């Protein structure tokens, strides 16, 4: 398997989890929201939402920026562009 296929598989793996997709949808809809604001949107623990945010950030779907004690979440287009380019 070449690196392009591995990248494509990892992109689809990240999106395969329904809760992770909901967290990503919230991050896109509330672009620039704080981590706390995003966590308040879900009936699960902060730890669970943070775990999904970590996976999404590692895969490049979001980026987090620190501003003092706040962490703001911003969506990115990179993984989607990669998937389309490899499709």
C-alpha atoms as a PDB file:
ATOM      1  CA  UNK A   1       0.000   0.000   0.000  1.00  0.00           C
ATOM      2  CA  UNK A   2       1.362   3.414  -0.885  1.00  0.00           C
ATOM      3  CA  UNK A   3       1.313   6.441   1.390  1.00  0.00           C
ATOM      4  CA  UNK A   4      -1.617   7.993  -0.478  1.00  0.00           C
ATOM      5  CA  UNK A   5      -3.799   4.986   0.231  1.00  0.00           C
ATOM      6  CA  UNK A   6      -2.738   4.957   3.871  1.00  0.00           C
ATOM      7  CA  UNK A   7      -3.645   8.634   4.169  1.00  0.00           C
ATOM      8  CA  UNK A   8      -7.020   8.051   2.545  1.00  0.00           C
ATOM      9  CA  UNK A   9      -7.733   5.121   4.846  1.00  0.00           C
ATOM     10  CA  UNK A  10      -6.832   7.142   7.929  1.00  0.00           C
ATOM     11  CA  UNK A  11      -9.130   9.970   6.784  1.00  0.00           C
ATOM     12  CA  UNK A  12     -12.052   7.581   6.404  1.00  0.00           C
ATOM     13  CA  UNK A  13     -11.185   5.870   9.690  1.00  0.00           C
ATOM     14  CA  UNK A  14     -11.426   9.199  11.513  1.00  0.00           C
ATOM     15  CA  UNK A  15     -14.818   9.860   9.900  1.00  0.00           C
ATOM     16  CA  UNK A  16     -16.137   6.348  10.577  1.00  0.00           C
ATOM     17  CA  UNK A  17     -17.100   7.139  14.168  1.00  0.00           C
ATOM     18  CA  UNK A  18     -20.591   8.737  14.374  1.00  0.00           C
ATOM     19  CA  UNK A  19     -19.819  10.732  17.533  1.00  0.00           C
ATOM     20  CA  UNK A  20     -16.581  12.011  16.026  1.00  0.00           C
ATOM     21  CA  UNK A  21     -18.500  13.183  12.954  1.00  0.00           C
ATOM     22  CA  UNK A  22     -20.943  15.042  15.222  1.00  0.00           C
ATOM     23  CA  UNK A  23     -18.053  16.716  17.041  1.00  0.00           C
ATOM     24  CA  UNK A  24     -16.541  17.683  13.688  1.00  0.00           C
ATOM     25  CA  UNK A  25     -19.893  19.028  12.471  1.00  0.00           C
ATOM     26  CA  UNK A  26     -20.145  21.135  15.643  1.00  0.00           C
ATOM     27  CA  UNK A  27     -16.598  22.417  15.145  1.00  0.00           C
ATOM     28  CA  UNK A  28     -17.463  23.436  11.578  1.00  0.00           C
ATOM     29  CA  UNK A  29     -20.800  25.000  12.556  1.00  0.00           C
ATOM     30  CA  UNK A  30     -19.282  26.853  15.522  1.00  0.00           C
ATOM     31  CA  UNK A  31     -15.907  27.653  13.963  1.00  0.00           C
ATOM     32  CA  UNK A  32     -13.785  29.472  16.533  1.00  0.00           C
ATOM     33  CA  UNK A  33     -15.772  28.188  19.511  1.00  0.00           C
ATOM     34  CA  UNK A  34     -13.932  27.365  22.691  1.00  0.00           C
ATOM     35  CA  UNK A  35     -13.403  23.756  23.684  1.00  0.00           C
ATOM     36  CA  UNK A  36     -15.742  24.350  26.636  1.00  0.00           C
ATOM     37  CA  UNK A  37     -18.493  25.666  24.343  1.00  0.00           C
ATOM     38  CA  UNK A  38     -18.191  22.610  22.116  1.00  0.00           C
ATOM     39  CA  UNK A  39     -18.224  20.234  25.089  1.00  0.00           C
ATOM     40  CA  UNK A  40     -21.462  21.803  26.324  1.00  0.00           C
ATOM     41  CA  UNK A  41     -23.195  20.765  23.076  1.00  0.00           C
ATOM     42  CA  UNK A  42     -22.933  17.050  23.857  1.00  0.00           C
ATOM     43  CA  UNK A  43     -24.515  14.824  26.528  1.00  0.00           C
ATOM     44  CA  UNK A  44     -21.216  13.022  27.120  1.00  0.00           C
ATOM     45  CA  UNK A  45     -18.251  13.789  29.336  1.00  0.00           C
ATOM     46  CA  UNK A  46     -15.739  16.488  28.538  1.00  0.00           C
ATOM     47  CA  UNK A  47     -13.134  13.721  28.404  1.00  0.00           C
ATOM     48  CA  UNK A  48     -15.063  11.953  25.609  1.00  0.00           C
ATOM     49  CA  UNK A  49     -15.358  15.128  23.526  1.00  0.00           C
ATOM     50  CA  UNK A  50     -11.689  15.947  24.125  1.00  0.00           C
ATOM     51  CA  UNK A  51     -10.690  12.470  22.951  1.00  0.00           C
ATOM     52  CA  UNK A  52     -12.547  13.061  19.669  1.00  0.00           C
ATOM     53  CA  UNK A  53     -11.058  16.539  19.305  1.00  0.00           C
ATOM     54  CA  UNK A  54      -7.574  15.055  19.764  1.00  0.00           C
ATOM     55  CA  UNK A  55      -8.160  12.511  16.986  1.00  0.00           C
ATOM     56  CA  UNK A  56      -9.610  15.187  14.704  1.00  0.00           C
ATOM     57  CA  UNK A  57      -6.676  17.506  15.353  1.00  0.00           C
ATOM     58  CA  UNK A  58      -4.113  14.752  14.775  1.00  0.00           C
ATOM     59  CA  UNK A  59      -5.786  13.953  11.433  1.00  0.00           C
ATOM     60  CA  UNK A  60      -5.811  17.636  10.444  1.00  0.00           C
ATOM     61  CA  UNK A  61      -9.585  18.182  10.482  1.00  0.00           C
ATOM     62  CA  UNK A  62      -9.333  20.879  13.147  1.00  0.00           C
ATOM     63  CA  UNK A  63      -6.700  23.056  14.755  1.00  0.00           C
ATOM     64  CA  UNK A  64      -6.752  24.474  18.264  1.00  0.00           C
ATOM     65  CA  UNK A  65      -5.298  27.807  19.228  1.00  0.00           C
ATOM     66  CA  UNK A  66      -4.536  28.914  22.746  1.00  0.00           C
ATOM     67  CA  UNK A  67      -5.622  32.368  23.792  1.00  0.00           C
ATOM     68  CA  UNK A  68      -4.776  32.694  27.468  1.00  0.00           C
ATOM     69  CA  UNK A  69      -6.626  29.894  29.243  1.00  0.00           C
ATOM     70  CA  UNK A  70      -9.056  29.370  26.368  1.00  0.00           C
ATOM     71  CA  UNK A  71      -8.541  26.946  23.522  1.00  0.00           C
ATOM     72  CA  UNK A  72     -10.435  27.843  20.369  1.00  0.00           C
ATOM     73  CA  UNK A  73     -11.260  25.219  17.757  1.00  0.00           C
ATOM     74  CA  UNK A  74     -11.081  25.970  14.045  1.00  0.00           C
ATOM     75  CA  UNK A  75     -12.027  23.622  11.224  1.00  0.00           C
ATOM     76  CA  UNK A  76      -9.711  23.022   8.274  1.00  0.00           C
ATOM     77  CA  UNK A  77     -10.293  21.801   4.720  1.00  0.00           C
ATOM     78  CA  UNK A  78      -7.051  19.880   4.332  1.00  0.00           C
ATOM     79  CA  UNK A  79      -8.220  16.259   4.907  1.00  0.00           C
ATOM     80  CA  UNK A  80     -11.228  16.724   2.646  1.00  0.00           C
ATOM     81  CA  UNK A  81      -9.044  18.139  -0.113  1.00  0.00           C
ATOM     82  CA  UNK A  82      -6.665  15.171   0.317  1.00  0.00           C
ATOM     83  CA  UNK A  83      -9.510  12.645   0.122  1.00  0.00           C
ATOM     84  CA  UNK A  84     -10.944  14.233  -3.015  1.00  0.00           C
ATOM     85  CA  UNK A  85      -7.520  14.418  -4.655  1.00  0.00           C
ATOM     86  CA  UNK A  86      -6.882  10.730  -3.952  1.00  0.00           C
ATOM     87  CA  UNK A  87     -10.343   9.513  -4.844  1.00  0.00           C
END
